Amino acid sequence: MHSESVVYTEALIEQRAHAIGYAIDARRQRFPDETSYRYKPLADKNIQLKWDSDNTMPLRDYNLLDLSI
C-alpha cells in the first residue's frame, strides 16, 4: 500500500516523530530506574509526550504518516 505523494514539511515530520516520544515515555514508565532516552528533535523543542495505555488516540492511524522516498 502506497500513500499519495506529499511534501515533507517540518510539521509533518515532527507529527510523525511523536510516536517515538510516546514509545520513549512508555519505556520510561516500564523501566523507571533506567536512564531514559533523549530524542533530540523533540527535546530541542521541549516536547514531552506522556504515554497513557487508556488513551491510545494520539497514535491512532499514525502509520498513515509514514515517510518514504
PDB file of N, CA and C in Angstrom:
ATOM      1  N   MET A   1       0.844  -1.176   0.000  1.00  0.00           N
ATOM      2  CA  MET A   1       0.000   0.000   0.000  1.00  0.00           C
ATOM      3  C   MET A   1       0.889   1.239   0.000  1.00  0.00           C
ATOM      4  N   HIS A   2       0.651   2.123  -0.911  1.00  0.00           N
ATOM      5  CA  HIS A   2       1.424   3.358  -1.007  1.00  0.00           C
ATOM      6  C   HIS A   2       0.498   4.543  -0.785  1.00  0.00           C
ATOM      7  N   SER A   3       1.037   5.541  -0.117  1.00  0.00           N
ATOM      8  CA  SER A   3       0.246   6.750   0.090  1.00  0.00           C
ATOM      9  C   SER A   3       0.553   7.741  -1.022  1.00  0.00           C
ATOM     10  N   GLU A   4      -0.279   8.751  -1.099  1.00  0.00           N
ATOM     11  CA  GLU A   4      -0.083   9.782  -2.109  1.00  0.00           C
ATOM     12  C   GLU A   4       1.206  10.543  -1.833  1.00  0.00           C
ATOM     13  N   SER A   5       1.767  11.140  -2.870  1.00  0.00           N
ATOM     14  CA  SER A   5       2.968  11.948  -2.712  1.00  0.00           C
ATOM     15  C   SER A   5       2.645  13.182  -1.889  1.00  0.00           C
ATOM     16  N   VAL A   6       3.523  13.498  -0.964  1.00  0.00           N
ATOM     17  CA  VAL A   6       3.342  14.684  -0.130  1.00  0.00           C
ATOM     18  C   VAL A   6       4.675  15.401   0.003  1.00  0.00           C
ATOM     19  N   VAL A   7       4.605  16.664   0.338  1.00  0.00           N
ATOM     20  CA  VAL A   7       5.799  17.440   0.637  1.00  0.00           C
ATOM     21  C   VAL A   7       6.107  17.248   2.113  1.00  0.00           C
ATOM     22  N   TYR A   8       7.328  16.862   2.417  1.00  0.00           N
ATOM     23  CA  TYR A   8       7.726  16.633   3.807  1.00  0.00           C
ATOM     24  C   TYR A   8       8.048  17.959   4.475  1.00  0.00           C
ATOM     25  N   THR A   9       7.077  18.489   5.162  1.00  0.00           N
ATOM     26  CA  THR A   9       7.286  19.732   5.895  1.00  0.00           C
ATOM     27  C   THR A   9       7.827  19.403   7.282  1.00  0.00           C
ATOM     28  N   GLU A  10       8.384  20.393   7.934  1.00  0.00           N
ATOM     29  CA  GLU A  10       8.879  20.205   9.295  1.00  0.00           C
ATOM     30  C   GLU A  10       7.742  19.763  10.219  1.00  0.00           C
ATOM     31  N   ALA A  11       6.564  20.330  10.028  1.00  0.00           N
ATOM     32  CA  ALA A  11       5.416  19.974  10.871  1.00  0.00           C
ATOM     33  C   ALA A  11       5.014  18.512  10.680  1.00  0.00           C
ATOM     34  N   LEU A  12       5.017  18.023   9.450  1.00  0.00           N
ATOM     35  CA  LEU A  12       4.659  16.634   9.178  1.00  0.00           C
ATOM     36  C   LEU A  12       5.673  15.680   9.810  1.00  0.00           C
ATOM     37  N   ILE A  13       6.939  15.982   9.662  1.00  0.00           N
ATOM     38  CA  ILE A  13       7.986  15.139  10.238  1.00  0.00           C
ATOM     39  C   ILE A  13       7.894  15.147  11.758  1.00  0.00           C
ATOM     40  N   GLU A  14       7.654  16.307  12.343  1.00  0.00           N
ATOM     41  CA  GLU A  14       7.517  16.394  13.801  1.00  0.00           C
ATOM     42  C   GLU A  14       6.314  15.589  14.283  1.00  0.00           C
ATOM     43  N   GLN A  15       5.198  15.697  13.571  1.00  0.00           N
ATOM     44  CA  GLN A  15       3.994  14.955  13.955  1.00  0.00           C
ATOM     45  C   GLN A  15       4.267  13.454  13.914  1.00  0.00           C
ATOM     46  N   ARG A  16       4.968  12.990  12.903  1.00  0.00           N
ATOM     47  CA  ARG A  16       5.290  11.560  12.781  1.00  0.00           C
ATOM     48  C   ARG A  16       6.239  11.129  13.899  1.00  0.00           C
ATOM     49  N   ALA A  17       7.118  12.022  14.312  1.00  0.00           N
ATOM     50  CA  ALA A  17       8.087  11.707  15.363  1.00  0.00           C
ATOM     51  C   ALA A  17       7.434  11.571  16.736  1.00  0.00           C
ATOM     52  N   HIS A  18       6.208  12.031  16.884  1.00  0.00           N
ATOM     53  CA  HIS A  18       5.531  11.905  18.177  1.00  0.00           C
ATOM     54  C   HIS A  18       5.416  10.446  18.607  1.00  0.00           C
ATOM     55  N   ALA A  19       5.301   9.519  17.657  1.00  0.00           N
ATOM     56  CA  ALA A  19       5.242   8.096  18.006  1.00  0.00           C
ATOM     57  C   ALA A  19       6.501   7.688  18.766  1.00  0.00           C
ATOM     58  N   ILE A  20       7.632   8.258  18.403  1.00  0.00           N
ATOM     59  CA  ILE A  20       8.886   7.964  19.100  1.00  0.00           C
ATOM     60  C   ILE A  20       8.813   8.477  20.527  1.00  0.00           C
ATOM     61  N   GLY A  21       8.280   9.683  20.700  1.00  0.00           N
ATOM     62  CA  GLY A  21       8.151  10.259  22.037  1.00  0.00           C
ATOM     63  C   GLY A  21       7.259   9.425  22.941  1.00  0.00           C
ATOM     64  N   TYR A  22       6.155   8.930  22.397  1.00  0.00           N
ATOM     65  CA  TYR A  22       5.268   8.068  23.196  1.00  0.00           C
ATOM     66  C   TYR A  22       5.967   6.761  23.561  1.00  0.00           C
ATOM     67  N   ALA A  23       6.714   6.198  22.631  1.00  0.00           N
ATOM     68  CA  ALA A  23       7.437   4.950  22.905  1.00  0.00           C
ATOM     69  C   ALA A  23       8.490   5.155  23.988  1.00  0.00           C
ATOM     70  N   ILE A  24       9.180   6.274  23.946  1.00  0.00           N
ATOM     71  CA  ILE A  24      10.187   6.572  24.966  1.00  0.00           C
ATOM     72  C   ILE A  24       9.536   6.683  26.333  1.00  0.00           C
ATOM     73  N   ASP A  25       8.400   7.364  26.412  1.00  0.00           N
ATOM     74  CA  ASP A  25       7.738   7.510  27.708  1.00  0.00           C
ATOM     75  C   ASP A  25       7.161   6.188  28.197  1.00  0.00           C
ATOM     76  N   ALA A  26       6.647   5.365  27.298  1.00  0.00           N
ATOM     77  CA  ALA A  26       6.132   4.046  27.704  1.00  0.00           C
ATOM     78  C   ALA A  26       7.263   3.214  28.301  1.00  0.00           C
ATOM     79  N   ARG A  27       8.435   3.268  27.694  1.00  0.00           N
ATOM     80  CA  ARG A  27       9.580   2.528  28.238  1.00  0.00           C
ATOM     81  C   ARG A  27      10.007   3.118  29.575  1.00  0.00           C
ATOM     82  N   ARG A  28       9.992   4.437  29.692  1.00  0.00           N
ATOM     83  CA  ARG A  28      10.361   5.085  30.954  1.00  0.00           C
ATOM     84  C   ARG A  28       9.434   4.631  32.073  1.00  0.00           C
ATOM     85  N   GLN A  29       8.156   4.517  31.764  1.00  0.00           N
ATOM     86  CA  GLN A  29       7.197   4.062  32.771  1.00  0.00           C
ATOM     87  C   GLN A  29       7.431   2.598  33.137  1.00  0.00           C
ATOM     88  N   ARG A  30       7.792   1.783  32.163  1.00  0.00           N
ATOM     89  CA  ARG A  30       8.014   0.349  32.402  1.00  0.00           C
ATOM     90  C   ARG A  30       9.319   0.100  33.146  1.00  0.00           C
ATOM     91  N   PHE A  31      10.349   0.904  32.863  1.00  0.00           N
ATOM     92  CA  PHE A  31      11.671   0.746  33.470  1.00  0.00           C
ATOM     93  C   PHE A  31      12.092   2.062  34.128  1.00  0.00           C
ATOM     94  N   PRO A  32      11.480   2.430  35.245  1.00  0.00           N
ATOM     95  CA  PRO A  32      11.736   3.736  35.859  1.00  0.00           C
ATOM     96  C   PRO A  32      13.169   3.942  36.364  1.00  0.00           C
ATOM     97  N   ASP A  33      13.901   2.868  36.626  1.00  0.00           N
ATOM     98  CA  ASP A  33      15.276   3.006  37.113  1.00  0.00           C
ATOM     99  C   ASP A  33      16.290   3.145  35.982  1.00  0.00           C
ATOM    100  N   GLU A  34      15.843   2.995  34.776  1.00  0.00           N
ATOM    101  CA  GLU A  34      16.707   3.078  33.610  1.00  0.00           C
ATOM    102  C   GLU A  34      16.827   4.540  33.168  1.00  0.00           C
ATOM    103  N   THR A  35      17.996   4.935  32.693  1.00  0.00           N
ATOM    104  CA  THR A  35      18.157   6.280  32.136  1.00  0.00           C
ATOM    105  C   THR A  35      17.342   6.365  30.852  1.00  0.00           C
ATOM    106  N   SER A  36      16.433   7.310  30.814  1.00  0.00           N
ATOM    107  CA  SER A  36      15.530   7.438  29.675  1.00  0.00           C
ATOM    108  C   SER A  36      16.263   8.002  28.460  1.00  0.00           C
ATOM    109  N   TYR A  37      15.872   7.535  27.287  1.00  0.00           N
ATOM    110  CA  TYR A  37      16.437   8.027  26.038  1.00  0.00           C
ATOM    111  C   TYR A  37      15.971   9.459  25.801  1.00  0.00           C
ATOM    112  N   ARG A  38      16.846  10.274  25.270  1.00  0.00           N
ATOM    113  CA  ARG A  38      16.512  11.666  24.938  1.00  0.00           C
ATOM    114  C   ARG A  38      16.541  11.795  23.418  1.00  0.00           C
ATOM    115  N   TYR A  39      15.367  11.946  22.823  1.00  0.00           N
ATOM    116  CA  TYR A  39      15.261  12.084  21.373  1.00  0.00           C
ATOM    117  C   TYR A  39      15.402  13.563  21.032  1.00  0.00           C
ATOM    118  N   LYS A  40      16.550  13.922  20.512  1.00  0.00           N
ATOM    119  CA  LYS A  40      16.931  15.316  20.333  1.00  0.00           C
ATOM    120  C   LYS A  40      15.918  16.167  19.557  1.00  0.00           C
ATOM    121  N   PRO A  41      15.362  15.698  18.436  1.00  0.00           N
ATOM    122  CA  PRO A  41      14.414  16.557  17.709  1.00  0.00           C
ATOM    123  C   PRO A  41      13.220  17.013  18.550  1.00  0.00           C
ATOM    124  N   LEU A  42      12.713  16.149  19.430  1.00  0.00           N
ATOM    125  CA  LEU A  42      11.599  16.555  20.292  1.00  0.00           C
ATOM    126  C   LEU A  42      12.106  17.331  21.500  1.00  0.00           C
ATOM    127  N   ALA A  43      13.227  16.903  22.064  1.00  0.00           N
ATOM    128  CA  ALA A  43      13.771  17.561  23.254  1.00  0.00           C
ATOM    129  C   ALA A  43      14.176  19.005  22.953  1.00  0.00           C
ATOM    130  N   ASP A  44      14.721  19.245  21.777  1.00  0.00           N
ATOM    131  CA  ASP A  44      15.130  20.604  21.407  1.00  0.00           C
ATOM    132  C   ASP A  44      13.947  21.558  21.349  1.00  0.00           C
ATOM    133  N   LYS A  45      12.758  21.019  21.102  1.00  0.00           N
ATOM    134  CA  LYS A  45      11.548  21.848  21.058  1.00  0.00           C
ATOM    135  C   LYS A  45      10.761  21.747  22.358  1.00  0.00           C
ATOM    136  N   ASN A  46      11.363  21.093  23.339  1.00  0.00           N
ATOM    137  CA  ASN A  46      10.744  20.908  24.660  1.00  0.00           C
ATOM    138  C   ASN A  46       9.370  20.229  24.561  1.00  0.00           C
ATOM    139  N   ILE A  47       9.277  19.254  23.659  1.00  0.00           N
ATOM    140  CA  ILE A  47       8.051  18.478  23.505  1.00  0.00           C
ATOM    141  C   ILE A  47       8.183  17.232  24.364  1.00  0.00           C
ATOM    142  N   GLN A  48       7.307  17.106  25.354  1.00  0.00           N
ATOM    143  CA  GLN A  48       7.315  15.948  26.243  1.00  0.00           C
ATOM    144  C   GLN A  48       5.966  15.255  26.133  1.00  0.00           C
ATOM    145  N   LEU A  49       5.981  14.059  25.609  1.00  0.00           N
ATOM    146  CA  LEU A  49       4.750  13.310  25.396  1.00  0.00           C
ATOM    147  C   LEU A  49       4.600  12.261  26.489  1.00  0.00           C
ATOM    148  N   LYS A  50       3.399  12.089  26.981  1.00  0.00           N
ATOM    149  CA  LYS A  50       3.111  11.136  28.056  1.00  0.00           C
ATOM    150  C   LYS A  50       2.282   9.985  27.515  1.00  0.00           C
ATOM    151  N   TRP A  51       2.801   8.776  27.666  1.00  0.00           N
ATOM    152  CA  TRP A  51       2.068   7.591  27.237  1.00  0.00           C
ATOM    153  C   TRP A  51       1.022   7.226  28.271  1.00  0.00           C
ATOM    154  N   ASP A  52      -0.172   6.943  27.805  1.00  0.00           N
ATOM    155  CA  ASP A  52      -1.270   6.513  28.667  1.00  0.00           C
ATOM    156  C   ASP A  52      -1.974   5.369  27.944  1.00  0.00           C
ATOM    157  N   SER A  53      -1.844   4.155  28.469  1.00  0.00           N
ATOM    158  CA  SER A  53      -2.421   2.995  27.785  1.00  0.00           C
ATOM    159  C   SER A  53      -3.945   3.052  27.718  1.00  0.00           C
ATOM    160  N   ASP A  54      -4.556   3.903  28.531  1.00  0.00           N
ATOM    161  CA  ASP A  54      -6.010   4.066  28.472  1.00  0.00           C
ATOM    162  C   ASP A  54      -6.438   5.035  27.374  1.00  0.00           C
ATOM    163  N   ASN A  55      -5.483   5.767  26.829  1.00  0.00           N
ATOM    164  CA  ASN A  55      -5.797   6.722  25.768  1.00  0.00           C
ATOM    165  C   ASN A  55      -4.788   6.558  24.637  1.00  0.00           C
ATOM    166  N   THR A  56      -5.095   5.683  23.720  1.00  0.00           N
ATOM    167  CA  THR A  56      -4.191   5.439  22.598  1.00  0.00           C
ATOM    168  C   THR A  56      -4.549   6.290  21.373  1.00  0.00           C
ATOM    169  N   MET A  57      -5.493   7.189  21.535  1.00  0.00           N
ATOM    170  CA  MET A  57      -5.957   8.024  20.421  1.00  0.00           C
ATOM    171  C   MET A  57      -4.815   8.774  19.720  1.00  0.00           C
ATOM    172  N   PRO A  58      -3.827   9.323  20.448  1.00  0.00           N
ATOM    173  CA  PRO A  58      -2.773  10.056  19.737  1.00  0.00           C
ATOM    174  C   PRO A  58      -2.010   9.204  18.719  1.00  0.00           C
ATOM    175  N   LEU A  59      -2.027   7.889  18.883  1.00  0.00           N
ATOM    176  CA  LEU A  59      -1.318   7.016  17.946  1.00  0.00           C
ATOM    177  C   LEU A  59      -2.232   6.374  16.908  1.00  0.00           C
ATOM    178  N   ARG A  60      -3.507   6.655  16.992  1.00  0.00           N
ATOM    179  CA  ARG A  60      -4.434   6.060  16.032  1.00  0.00           C
ATOM    180  C   ARG A  60      -4.058   6.490  14.614  1.00  0.00           C
ATOM    181  N   ASP A  61      -3.908   5.529  13.747  1.00  0.00           N
ATOM    182  CA  ASP A  61      -3.574   5.749  12.330  1.00  0.00           C
ATOM    183  C   ASP A  61      -2.240   6.462  12.126  1.00  0.00           C
ATOM    184  N   TYR A  62      -1.326   6.347  13.100  1.00  0.00           N
ATOM    185  CA  TYR A  62      -0.034   7.018  12.946  1.00  0.00           C
ATOM    186  C   TYR A  62       0.704   6.524  11.701  1.00  0.00           C
ATOM    187  N   ASN A  63       0.446   5.273  11.310  1.00  0.00           N
ATOM    188  CA  ASN A  63       1.120   4.720  10.142  1.00  0.00           C
ATOM    189  C   ASN A  63       0.749   5.455   8.849  1.00  0.00           C
ATOM    190  N   LEU A  64      -0.337   6.197   8.868  1.00  0.00           N
ATOM    191  CA  LEU A  64      -0.705   6.971   7.680  1.00  0.00           C
ATOM    192  C   LEU A  64       0.261   8.125   7.447  1.00  0.00           C
ATOM    193  N   LEU A  65       1.084   8.406   8.452  1.00  0.00           N
ATOM    194  CA  LEU A  65       2.077   9.474   8.336  1.00  0.00           C
ATOM    195  C   LEU A  65       3.466   8.921   8.031  1.00  0.00           C
ATOM    196  N   ASP A  66       3.554   7.622   7.693  1.00  0.00           N
ATOM    197  CA  ASP A  66       4.855   7.030   7.389  1.00  0.00           C
ATOM    198  C   ASP A  66       5.548   7.838   6.300  1.00  0.00           C
ATOM    199  N   LEU A  67       6.838   7.970   6.451  1.00  0.00           N
ATOM    200  CA  LEU A  67       7.639   8.729   5.500  1.00  0.00           C
ATOM    201  C   LEU A  67       8.416   7.753   4.620  1.00  0.00           C
ATOM    202  N   SER A  68       8.450   8.010   3.350  1.00  0.00           N
ATOM    203  CA  SER A  68       9.208   7.152   2.442  1.00  0.00           C
ATOM    204  C   SER A  68       9.694   7.975   1.257  1.00  0.00           C
ATOM    205  N   ILE A  69      10.692   7.430   0.611  1.00  0.00           N
ATOM    206  CA  ILE A  69      11.197   8.105  -0.588  1.00  0.00           C
ATOM    207  C   ILE A  69      11.199   7.130  -1.749  1.00  0.00           C
TER     208      ILE A  69
END
